[in-house]
mmCIF file of all heavy atoms, coordinates in Angstrom:
data_MODEL
# 
_entry.id   MODEL 
# 
loop_
_atom_site.group_PDB 
_atom_site.id 
_atom_site.type_symbol 
_atom_site.label_atom_id 
_atom_site.label_alt_id 
_atom_site.label_comp_id 
_atom_site.label_asym_id 
_atom_site.label_entity_id 
_atom_site.label_seq_id 
_atom_site.pdbx_PDB_ins_code 
_atom_site.Cartn_x 
_atom_site.Cartn_y 
_atom_site.Cartn_z 
_atom_site.occupancy 
_atom_site.B_iso_or_equiv 
_atom_site.pdbx_formal_charge 
_atom_site.auth_seq_id 
_atom_site.auth_comp_id 
_atom_site.auth_asym_id 
_atom_site.auth_atom_id 
_atom_site.pdbx_PDB_model_num 
ATOM 1   N N   . LEU A 1 1  ? 10.920 98.737  121.580 1.00 0.00 ? 1  LEU A N   1 
ATOM 2   C CA  . LEU A 1 1  ? 12.222 99.308  121.228 1.00 0.00 ? 1  LEU A CA  1 
ATOM 3   C C   . LEU A 1 1  ? 13.090 98.341  120.377 1.00 0.00 ? 1  LEU A C   1 
ATOM 4   O O   . LEU A 1 1  ? 13.739 98.742  119.436 1.00 0.00 ? 1  LEU A O   1 
ATOM 5   C CB  . LEU A 1 1  ? 13.020 99.681  122.510 1.00 0.00 ? 1  LEU A CB  1 
ATOM 6   C CG  . LEU A 1 1  ? 12.399 100.869 123.295 1.00 0.00 ? 1  LEU A CG  1 
ATOM 7   C CD1 . LEU A 1 1  ? 13.160 101.024 124.600 1.00 0.00 ? 1  LEU A CD1 1 
ATOM 8   C CD2 . LEU A 1 1  ? 12.432 102.133 122.494 1.00 0.00 ? 1  LEU A CD2 1 
ATOM 9   N N   . VAL A 1 2  ? 13.033 97.059  120.704 1.00 0.00 ? 2  VAL A N   1 
ATOM 10  C CA  . VAL A 1 2  ? 13.825 96.076  119.943 1.00 0.00 ? 2  VAL A CA  1 
ATOM 11  C C   . VAL A 1 2  ? 13.200 95.909  118.546 1.00 0.00 ? 2  VAL A C   1 
ATOM 12  O O   . VAL A 1 2  ? 13.925 95.856  117.568 1.00 0.00 ? 2  VAL A O   1 
ATOM 13  C CB  . VAL A 1 2  ? 13.878 94.740  120.678 1.00 0.00 ? 2  VAL A CB  1 
ATOM 14  C CG1 . VAL A 1 2  ? 14.460 93.663  119.793 1.00 0.00 ? 2  VAL A CG1 1 
ATOM 15  C CG2 . VAL A 1 2  ? 14.741 94.876  121.924 1.00 0.00 ? 2  VAL A CG2 1 
ATOM 16  N N   . GLY A 1 3  ? 11.874 95.926  118.480 1.00 0.00 ? 3  GLY A N   1 
ATOM 17  C CA  . GLY A 1 3  ? 11.254 95.776  117.192 1.00 0.00 ? 3  GLY A CA  1 
ATOM 18  C C   . GLY A 1 3  ? 11.469 96.934  116.268 1.00 0.00 ? 3  GLY A C   1 
ATOM 19  O O   . GLY A 1 3  ? 11.577 96.759  115.053 1.00 0.00 ? 3  GLY A O   1 
ATOM 20  N N   . THR A 1 4  ? 11.526 98.111  116.812 1.00 0.00 ? 4  THR A N   1 
ATOM 21  C CA  . THR A 1 4  ? 11.735 99.303  115.940 1.00 0.00 ? 4  THR A CA  1 
ATOM 22  C C   . THR A 1 4  ? 13.180 99.431  115.467 1.00 0.00 ? 4  THR A C   1 
ATOM 23  O O   . THR A 1 4  ? 13.443 100.113 114.503 1.00 0.00 ? 4  THR A O   1 
ATOM 24  C CB  . THR A 1 4  ? 11.312 100.586 116.676 1.00 0.00 ? 4  THR A CB  1 
ATOM 25  O OG1 . THR A 1 4  ? 12.109 100.697 117.897 1.00 0.00 ? 4  THR A OG1 1 
ATOM 26  C CG2 . THR A 1 4  ? 9.878  100.620 116.997 1.00 0.00 ? 4  THR A CG2 1 
ATOM 27  N N   . SER A 1 5  ? 14.135 98.735  116.144 1.00 0.00 ? 5  SER A N   1 
ATOM 28  C CA  . SER A 1 5  ? 15.536 98.811  115.710 1.00 0.00 ? 5  SER A CA  1 
ATOM 29  C C   . SER A 1 5  ? 15.728 98.064  114.373 1.00 0.00 ? 5  SER A C   1 
ATOM 30  O O   . SER A 1 5  ? 16.668 98.358  113.683 1.00 0.00 ? 5  SER A O   1 
ATOM 31  C CB  . SER A 1 5  ? 16.463 98.295  116.746 1.00 0.00 ? 5  SER A CB  1 
ATOM 32  O OG  . SER A 1 5  ? 16.263 96.912  116.930 1.00 0.00 ? 5  SER A OG  1 
ATOM 33  N N   . THR A 1 6  ? 14.880 97.157  114.057 1.00 0.00 ? 6  THR A N   1 
ATOM 34  C CA  . THR A 1 6  ? 15.004 96.383  112.767 1.00 0.00 ? 6  THR A CA  1 
ATOM 35  C C   . THR A 1 6  ? 14.697 97.308  111.579 1.00 0.00 ? 6  THR A C   1 
ATOM 36  O O   . THR A 1 6  ? 15.260 97.078  110.504 1.00 0.00 ? 6  THR A O   1 
ATOM 37  C CB  . THR A 1 6  ? 14.133 95.197  112.714 1.00 0.00 ? 6  THR A CB  1 
ATOM 38  O OG1 . THR A 1 6  ? 12.733 95.582  112.834 1.00 0.00 ? 6  THR A OG1 1 
ATOM 39  C CG2 . THR A 1 6  ? 14.488 94.183  113.808 1.00 0.00 ? 6  THR A CG2 1 
ATOM 40  N N   . ALA A 1 7  ? 13.938 98.327  111.754 1.00 0.00 ? 7  ALA A N   1 
ATOM 41  C CA  . ALA A 1 7  ? 13.613 99.234  110.661 1.00 0.00 ? 7  ALA A CA  1 
ATOM 42  C C   . ALA A 1 7  ? 14.772 100.078 110.253 1.00 0.00 ? 7  ALA A C   1 
ATOM 43  O O   . ALA A 1 7  ? 14.887 100.541 109.072 1.00 0.00 ? 7  ALA A O   1 
ATOM 44  C CB  . ALA A 1 7  ? 12.462 100.117 111.044 1.00 0.00 ? 7  ALA A CB  1 
ATOM 45  N N   . VAL A 1 8  ? 15.737 100.325 111.115 1.00 0.00 ? 8  VAL A N   1 
ATOM 46  C CA  . VAL A 1 8  ? 16.899 101.159 110.810 1.00 0.00 ? 8  VAL A CA  1 
ATOM 47  C C   . VAL A 1 8  ? 18.153 100.352 110.660 1.00 0.00 ? 8  VAL A C   1 
ATOM 48  O O   . VAL A 1 8  ? 19.225 100.889 110.524 1.00 0.00 ? 8  VAL A O   1 
ATOM 49  C CB  . VAL A 1 8  ? 17.102 102.236 111.906 1.00 0.00 ? 8  VAL A CB  1 
ATOM 50  C CG1 . VAL A 1 8  ? 15.969 103.222 111.913 1.00 0.00 ? 8  VAL A CG1 1 
ATOM 51  C CG2 . VAL A 1 8  ? 17.375 101.613 113.219 1.00 0.00 ? 8  VAL A CG2 1 
ATOM 52  N N   . SER A 1 9  ? 18.046 99.026  110.604 1.00 0.00 ? 9  SER A N   1 
ATOM 53  C CA  . SER A 1 9  ? 19.232 98.161  110.532 1.00 0.00 ? 9  SER A CA  1 
ATOM 54  C C   . SER A 1 9  ? 20.054 98.418  109.238 1.00 0.00 ? 9  SER A C   1 
ATOM 55  O O   . SER A 1 9  ? 21.295 98.400  109.251 1.00 0.00 ? 9  SER A O   1 
ATOM 56  C CB  . SER A 1 9  ? 18.887 96.687  110.656 1.00 0.00 ? 9  SER A CB  1 
ATOM 57  O OG  . SER A 1 9  ? 18.026 96.318  109.606 1.00 0.00 ? 9  SER A OG  1 
ATOM 58  N N   . ALA A 1 10 ? 19.419 98.714  108.116 1.00 0.00 ? 10 ALA A N   1 
ATOM 59  C CA  . ALA A 1 10 ? 20.109 99.031  106.892 1.00 0.00 ? 10 ALA A CA  1 
ATOM 60  C C   . ALA A 1 10 ? 20.867 100.369 107.021 1.00 0.00 ? 10 ALA A C   1 
ATOM 61  O O   . ALA A 1 10 ? 21.933 100.544 106.445 1.00 0.00 ? 10 ALA A O   1 
ATOM 62  C CB  . ALA A 1 10 ? 19.185 99.043  105.710 1.00 0.00 ? 10 ALA A CB  1 
ATOM 63  N N   . THR A 1 11 ? 20.290 101.296 107.783 1.00 0.00 ? 11 THR A N   1 
ATOM 64  C CA  . THR A 1 11 ? 20.911 102.614 107.981 1.00 0.00 ? 11 THR A CA  1 
ATOM 65  C C   . THR A 1 11 ? 22.172 102.536 108.767 1.00 0.00 ? 11 THR A C   1 
ATOM 66  O O   . THR A 1 11 ? 23.102 103.298 108.537 1.00 0.00 ? 11 THR A O   1 
ATOM 67  C CB  . THR A 1 11 ? 19.865 103.527 108.659 1.00 0.00 ? 11 THR A CB  1 
ATOM 68  O OG1 . THR A 1 11 ? 18.675 103.521 107.928 1.00 0.00 ? 11 THR A OG1 1 
ATOM 69  C CG2 . THR A 1 11 ? 20.417 104.917 108.714 1.00 0.00 ? 11 THR A CG2 1 
ATOM 70  N N   . ILE A 1 12 ? 22.237 101.621 109.732 1.00 0.00 ? 12 ILE A N   1 
ATOM 71  C CA  . ILE A 1 12 ? 23.404 101.546 110.586 1.00 0.00 ? 12 ILE A CA  1 
ATOM 72  C C   . ILE A 1 12 ? 24.369 100.452 110.220 1.00 0.00 ? 12 ILE A C   1 
ATOM 73  O O   . ILE A 1 12 ? 25.153 99.959  111.010 1.00 0.00 ? 12 ILE A O   1 
ATOM 74  C CB  . ILE A 1 12 ? 22.934 101.385 112.057 1.00 0.00 ? 12 ILE A CB  1 
ATOM 75  C CG1 . ILE A 1 12 ? 22.120 100.133 112.267 1.00 0.00 ? 12 ILE A CG1 1 
ATOM 76  C CG2 . ILE A 1 12 ? 22.195 102.582 112.561 1.00 0.00 ? 12 ILE A CG2 1 
ATOM 77  C CD1 . ILE A 1 12 ? 21.837 99.779  113.735 1.00 0.00 ? 12 ILE A CD1 1 
ATOM 78  N N   . ALA A 1 13 ? 24.396 100.116 108.930 1.00 0.00 ? 13 ALA A N   1 
ATOM 79  C CA  . ALA A 1 13 ? 25.284 99.028  108.452 1.00 0.00 ? 13 ALA A CA  1 
ATOM 80  C C   . ALA A 1 13 ? 26.742 99.453  108.605 1.00 0.00 ? 13 ALA A C   1 
ATOM 81  O O   . ALA A 1 13 ? 27.601 98.588  108.897 1.00 0.00 ? 13 ALA A O   1 
ATOM 82  C CB  . ALA A 1 13 ? 24.952 98.715  107.018 1.00 0.00 ? 13 ALA A CB  1 
ATOM 83  N N   . ASP A 1 14 ? 27.034 100.724 108.490 1.00 0.00 ? 14 ASP A N   1 
ATOM 84  C CA  . ASP A 1 14 ? 28.391 101.197 108.614 1.00 0.00 ? 14 ASP A CA  1 
ATOM 85  C C   . ASP A 1 14 ? 28.711 101.718 110.010 1.00 0.00 ? 14 ASP A C   1 
ATOM 86  O O   . ASP A 1 14 ? 29.656 102.450 110.194 1.00 0.00 ? 14 ASP A O   1 
ATOM 87  C CB  . ASP A 1 14 ? 28.683 102.317 107.597 1.00 0.00 ? 14 ASP A CB  1 
ATOM 88  C CG  . ASP A 1 14 ? 28.551 101.798 106.181 1.00 0.00 ? 14 ASP A CG  1 
ATOM 89  O OD1 . ASP A 1 14 ? 28.914 100.647 105.933 1.00 0.00 ? 14 ASP A OD1 1 
ATOM 90  O OD2 . ASP A 1 14 ? 28.122 102.584 105.314 1.00 0.00 ? 14 ASP A OD2 1 
ATOM 91  N N   . TYR A 1 15 ? 27.924 101.303 110.995 1.00 0.00 ? 15 TYR A N   1 
ATOM 92  C CA  . TYR A 1 15 ? 28.089 101.715 112.383 1.00 0.00 ? 15 TYR A CA  1 
ATOM 93  C C   . TYR A 1 15 ? 29.447 101.196 112.911 1.00 0.00 ? 15 TYR A C   1 
ATOM 94  O O   . TYR A 1 15 ? 29.704 100.035 112.835 1.00 0.00 ? 15 TYR A O   1 
ATOM 95  C CB  . TYR A 1 15 ? 26.937 101.133 113.164 1.00 0.00 ? 15 TYR A CB  1 
ATOM 96  C CG  . TYR A 1 15 ? 26.855 101.476 114.613 1.00 0.00 ? 15 TYR A CG  1 
ATOM 97  C CD1 . TYR A 1 15 ? 26.536 102.725 115.049 1.00 0.00 ? 15 TYR A CD1 1 
ATOM 98  C CD2 . TYR A 1 15 ? 27.112 100.526 115.609 1.00 0.00 ? 15 TYR A CD2 1 
ATOM 99  C CE1 . TYR A 1 15 ? 26.436 103.080 116.360 1.00 0.00 ? 15 TYR A CE1 1 
ATOM 100 C CE2 . TYR A 1 15 ? 27.059 100.792 116.946 1.00 0.00 ? 15 TYR A CE2 1 
ATOM 101 C CZ  . TYR A 1 15 ? 26.706 102.083 117.330 1.00 0.00 ? 15 TYR A CZ  1 
ATOM 102 O OH  . TYR A 1 15 ? 26.614 102.388 118.659 1.00 0.00 ? 15 TYR A OH  1 
ATOM 103 N N   . PRO A 1 16 ? 30.228 102.110 113.527 1.00 0.00 ? 16 PRO A N   1 
ATOM 104 C CA  . PRO A 1 16 ? 31.512 101.645 114.098 1.00 0.00 ? 16 PRO A CA  1 
ATOM 105 C C   . PRO A 1 16 ? 31.237 100.839 115.392 1.00 0.00 ? 16 PRO A C   1 
ATOM 106 O O   . PRO A 1 16 ? 30.895 101.415 116.438 1.00 0.00 ? 16 PRO A O   1 
ATOM 107 C CB  . PRO A 1 16 ? 32.275 102.900 114.379 1.00 0.00 ? 16 PRO A CB  1 
ATOM 108 C CG  . PRO A 1 16 ? 31.251 103.975 114.503 1.00 0.00 ? 16 PRO A CG  1 
ATOM 109 C CD  . PRO A 1 16 ? 30.058 103.520 113.648 1.00 0.00 ? 16 PRO A CD  1 
ATOM 110 N N   . VAL A 1 17 ? 31.358 99.514  115.348 1.00 0.00 ? 17 VAL A N   1 
ATOM 111 C CA  . VAL A 1 17 ? 30.919 98.674  116.430 1.00 0.00 ? 17 VAL A CA  1 
ATOM 112 C C   . VAL A 1 17 ? 31.603 98.930  117.743 1.00 0.00 ? 17 VAL A C   1 
ATOM 113 O O   . VAL A 1 17 ? 30.980 99.191  118.775 1.00 0.00 ? 17 VAL A O   1 
ATOM 114 C CB  . VAL A 1 17 ? 31.077 97.186  116.023 1.00 0.00 ? 17 VAL A CB  1 
ATOM 115 C CG1 . VAL A 1 17 ? 30.735 96.264  117.169 1.00 0.00 ? 17 VAL A CG1 1 
ATOM 116 C CG2 . VAL A 1 17 ? 30.305 96.872  114.783 1.00 0.00 ? 17 VAL A CG2 1 
ATOM 117 N N   . LEU A 1 18 ? 32.966 98.965  117.776 1.00 0.00 ? 18 LEU A N   1 
ATOM 118 C CA  . LEU A 1 18 ? 33.654 99.130  119.025 1.00 0.00 ? 18 LEU A CA  1 
ATOM 119 C C   . LEU A 1 18 ? 33.471 100.566 119.593 1.00 0.00 ? 18 LEU A C   1 
ATOM 120 O O   . LEU A 1 18 ? 33.272 100.728 120.797 1.00 0.00 ? 18 LEU A O   1 
ATOM 121 C CB  . LEU A 1 18 ? 35.112 98.802  118.867 1.00 0.00 ? 18 LEU A CB  1 
ATOM 122 C CG  . LEU A 1 18 ? 35.425 97.356  118.455 1.00 0.00 ? 18 LEU A CG  1 
ATOM 123 C CD1 . LEU A 1 18 ? 36.895 97.135  118.311 1.00 0.00 ? 18 LEU A CD1 1 
ATOM 124 C CD2 . LEU A 1 18 ? 34.824 96.399  119.471 1.00 0.00 ? 18 LEU A CD2 1 
ATOM 125 N N   . SER A 1 19 ? 33.525 101.556 118.735 1.00 0.00 ? 19 SER A N   1 
ATOM 126 C CA  . SER A 1 19 ? 33.353 102.929 119.220 1.00 0.00 ? 19 SER A CA  1 
ATOM 127 C C   . SER A 1 19 ? 31.912 103.088 119.693 1.00 0.00 ? 19 SER A C   1 
ATOM 128 O O   . SER A 1 19 ? 31.688 103.792 120.674 1.00 0.00 ? 19 SER A O   1 
ATOM 129 C CB  . SER A 1 19 ? 33.627 103.893 118.106 1.00 0.00 ? 19 SER A CB  1 
ATOM 130 O OG  . SER A 1 19 ? 34.958 103.812 117.623 1.00 0.00 ? 19 SER A OG  1 
ATOM 131 N N   . GLY A 1 20 ? 31.012 102.512 118.987 1.00 0.00 ? 20 GLY A N   1 
ATOM 132 C CA  . GLY A 1 20 ? 29.584 102.616 119.405 1.00 0.00 ? 20 GLY A CA  1 
ATOM 133 C C   . GLY A 1 20 ? 29.320 101.921 120.717 1.00 0.00 ? 20 GLY A C   1 
ATOM 134 O O   . GLY A 1 20 ? 28.603 102.469 121.564 1.00 0.00 ? 20 GLY A O   1 
ATOM 135 N N   . GLN A 1 21 ? 29.926 100.773 120.914 1.00 0.00 ? 21 GLN A N   1 
ATOM 136 C CA  . GLN A 1 21 ? 29.775 100.063 122.244 1.00 0.00 ? 21 GLN A CA  1 
ATOM 137 C C   . GLN A 1 21 ? 30.376 100.908 123.328 1.00 0.00 ? 21 GLN A C   1 
ATOM 138 O O   . GLN A 1 21 ? 29.784 101.030 124.397 1.00 0.00 ? 21 GLN A O   1 
ATOM 139 C CB  . GLN A 1 21 ? 30.429 98.710  122.163 1.00 0.00 ? 21 GLN A CB  1 
ATOM 140 C CG  . GLN A 1 21 ? 29.684 97.694  121.344 1.00 0.00 ? 21 GLN A CG  1 
ATOM 141 C CD  . GLN A 1 21 ? 28.387 97.322  121.995 1.00 0.00 ? 21 GLN A CD  1 
ATOM 142 O OE1 . GLN A 1 21 ? 27.370 98.025  121.890 1.00 0.00 ? 21 GLN A OE1 1 
ATOM 143 N NE2 . GLN A 1 21 ? 28.329 96.198  122.607 1.00 0.00 ? 21 GLN A NE2 1 
ATOM 144 N N   . ALA A 1 22 ? 31.535 101.521 123.089 1.00 0.00 ? 22 ALA A N   1 
ATOM 145 C CA  . ALA A 1 22 ? 32.193 102.332 124.138 1.00 0.00 ? 22 ALA A CA  1 
ATOM 146 C C   . ALA A 1 22 ? 31.289 103.507 124.483 1.00 0.00 ? 22 ALA A C   1 
ATOM 147 O O   . ALA A 1 22 ? 31.142 103.857 125.650 1.00 0.00 ? 22 ALA A O   1 
ATOM 148 C CB  . ALA A 1 22 ? 33.570 102.788 123.652 1.00 0.00 ? 22 ALA A CB  1 
ATOM 149 N N   . LEU A 1 23 ? 30.697 104.109 123.494 1.00 0.00 ? 23 LEU A N   1 
ATOM 150 C CA  . LEU A 1 23 ? 29.802 105.261 123.700 1.00 0.00 ? 23 LEU A CA  1 
ATOM 151 C C   . LEU A 1 23 ? 28.548 104.823 124.489 1.00 0.00 ? 23 LEU A C   1 
ATOM 152 O O   . LEU A 1 23 ? 28.151 105.521 125.432 1.00 0.00 ? 23 LEU A O   1 
ATOM 153 C CB  . LEU A 1 23 ? 29.424 105.887 122.373 1.00 0.00 ? 23 LEU A CB  1 
ATOM 154 C CG  . LEU A 1 23 ? 28.561 107.122 122.443 1.00 0.00 ? 23 LEU A CG  1 
ATOM 155 C CD1 . LEU A 1 23 ? 29.307 108.255 123.159 1.00 0.00 ? 23 LEU A CD1 1 
ATOM 156 C CD2 . LEU A 1 23 ? 28.157 107.529 121.060 1.00 0.00 ? 23 LEU A CD2 1 
ATOM 157 N N   . ARG A 1 24 ? 28.005 103.647 124.105 1.00 0.00 ? 24 ARG A N   1 
ATOM 158 C CA  . ARG A 1 24 ? 26.815 103.173 124.832 1.00 0.00 ? 24 ARG A CA  1 
ATOM 159 C C   . ARG A 1 24 ? 27.132 102.904 126.301 1.00 0.00 ? 24 ARG A C   1 
ATOM 160 O O   . ARG A 1 24 ? 26.353 103.282 127.189 1.00 0.00 ? 24 ARG A O   1 
ATOM 161 C CB  . ARG A 1 24 ? 26.319 101.889 124.154 1.00 0.00 ? 24 ARG A CB  1 
ATOM 162 C CG  . ARG A 1 24 ? 25.589 102.120 122.861 1.00 0.00 ? 24 ARG A CG  1 
ATOM 163 C CD  . ARG A 1 24 ? 25.176 100.817 122.259 1.00 0.00 ? 24 ARG A CD  1 
ATOM 164 N NE  . ARG A 1 24 ? 24.316 100.068 123.159 1.00 0.00 ? 24 ARG A NE  1 
ATOM 165 C CZ  . ARG A 1 24 ? 24.212 98.739  123.124 1.00 0.00 ? 24 ARG A CZ  1 
ATOM 166 N NH1 . ARG A 1 24 ? 24.928 98.030  122.241 1.00 0.00 ? 24 ARG A NH1 1 
ATOM 167 N NH2 . ARG A 1 24 ? 23.425 98.091  123.975 1.00 0.00 ? 24 ARG A NH2 1 
ATOM 168 N N   . TYR A 1 25 ? 28.250 102.272 126.555 1.00 0.00 ? 25 TYR A N   1 
ATOM 169 C CA  . TYR A 1 25 ? 28.607 101.957 127.932 1.00 0.00 ? 25 TYR A CA  1 
ATOM 170 C C   . TYR A 1 25 ? 28.934 103.205 128.742 1.00 0.00 ? 25 TYR A C   1 
ATOM 171 O O   . TYR A 1 25 ? 28.628 103.276 129.920 1.00 0.00 ? 25 TYR A O   1 
ATOM 172 C CB  . TYR A 1 25 ? 29.788 100.965 127.993 1.00 0.00 ? 25 TYR A CB  1 
ATOM 173 C CG  . TYR A 1 25 ? 29.388 99.545  127.606 1.00 0.00 ? 25 TYR A CG  1 
ATOM 174 C CD1 . TYR A 1 25 ? 30.108 98.822  126.695 1.00 0.00 ? 25 TYR A CD1 1 
ATOM 175 C CD2 . TYR A 1 25 ? 28.281 98.933  128.148 1.00 0.00 ? 25 TYR A CD2 1 
ATOM 176 C CE1 . TYR A 1 25 ? 29.762 97.545  126.284 1.00 0.00 ? 25 TYR A CE1 1 
ATOM 177 C CE2 . TYR A 1 25 ? 27.889 97.653  127.762 1.00 0.00 ? 25 TYR A CE2 1 
ATOM 178 C CZ  . TYR A 1 25 ? 28.656 96.992  126.844 1.00 0.00 ? 25 TYR A CZ  1 
ATOM 179 O OH  . TYR A 1 25 ? 28.265 95.706  126.493 1.00 0.00 ? 25 TYR A OH  1 
ATOM 180 N N   . ALA A 1 26 ? 29.577 104.182 128.122 1.00 0.00 ? 26 ALA A N   1 
ATOM 181 C CA  . ALA A 1 26 ? 29.891 105.434 128.808 1.00 0.00 ? 26 ALA A CA  1 
ATOM 182 C C   . ALA A 1 26 ? 28.573 106.159 129.162 1.00 0.00 ? 26 ALA A C   1 
ATOM 183 O O   . ALA A 1 26 ? 28.428 106.687 130.279 1.00 0.00 ? 26 ALA A O   1 
ATOM 184 C CB  . ALA A 1 26 ? 30.788 106.297 127.923 1.00 0.00 ? 26 ALA A CB  1 
ATOM 185 N N   . LEU A 1 27 ? 27.638 106.171 128.237 1.00 0.00 ? 27 LEU A N   1 
ATOM 186 C CA  . LEU A 1 27 ? 26.342 106.808 128.518 1.00 0.00 ? 27 LEU A CA  1 
ATOM 187 C C   . LEU A 1 27 ? 25.596 106.105 129.618 1.00 0.00 ? 27 LEU A C   1 
ATOM 188 O O   . LEU A 1 27 ? 25.033 106.734 130.510 1.00 0.00 ? 27 LEU A O   1 
ATOM 189 C CB  . LEU A 1 27 ? 25.499 106.851 127.249 1.00 0.00 ? 27 LEU A CB  1 
ATOM 190 C CG  . LEU A 1 27 ? 24.126 107.486 127.286 1.00 0.00 ? 27 LEU A CG  1 
ATOM 191 C CD1 . LEU A 1 27 ? 24.261 108.970 127.695 1.00 0.00 ? 27 LEU A CD1 1 
ATOM 192 C CD2 . LEU A 1 27 ? 23.392 107.347 125.998 1.00 0.00 ? 27 LEU A CD2 1 
# 
């Protein structure tokens, strides 16, 4: 899972960090 996340790192460059973290923790 960690290794496959590097393939999409360019895709998630504009990822909202704080909102994304809040969503991850809520899930």
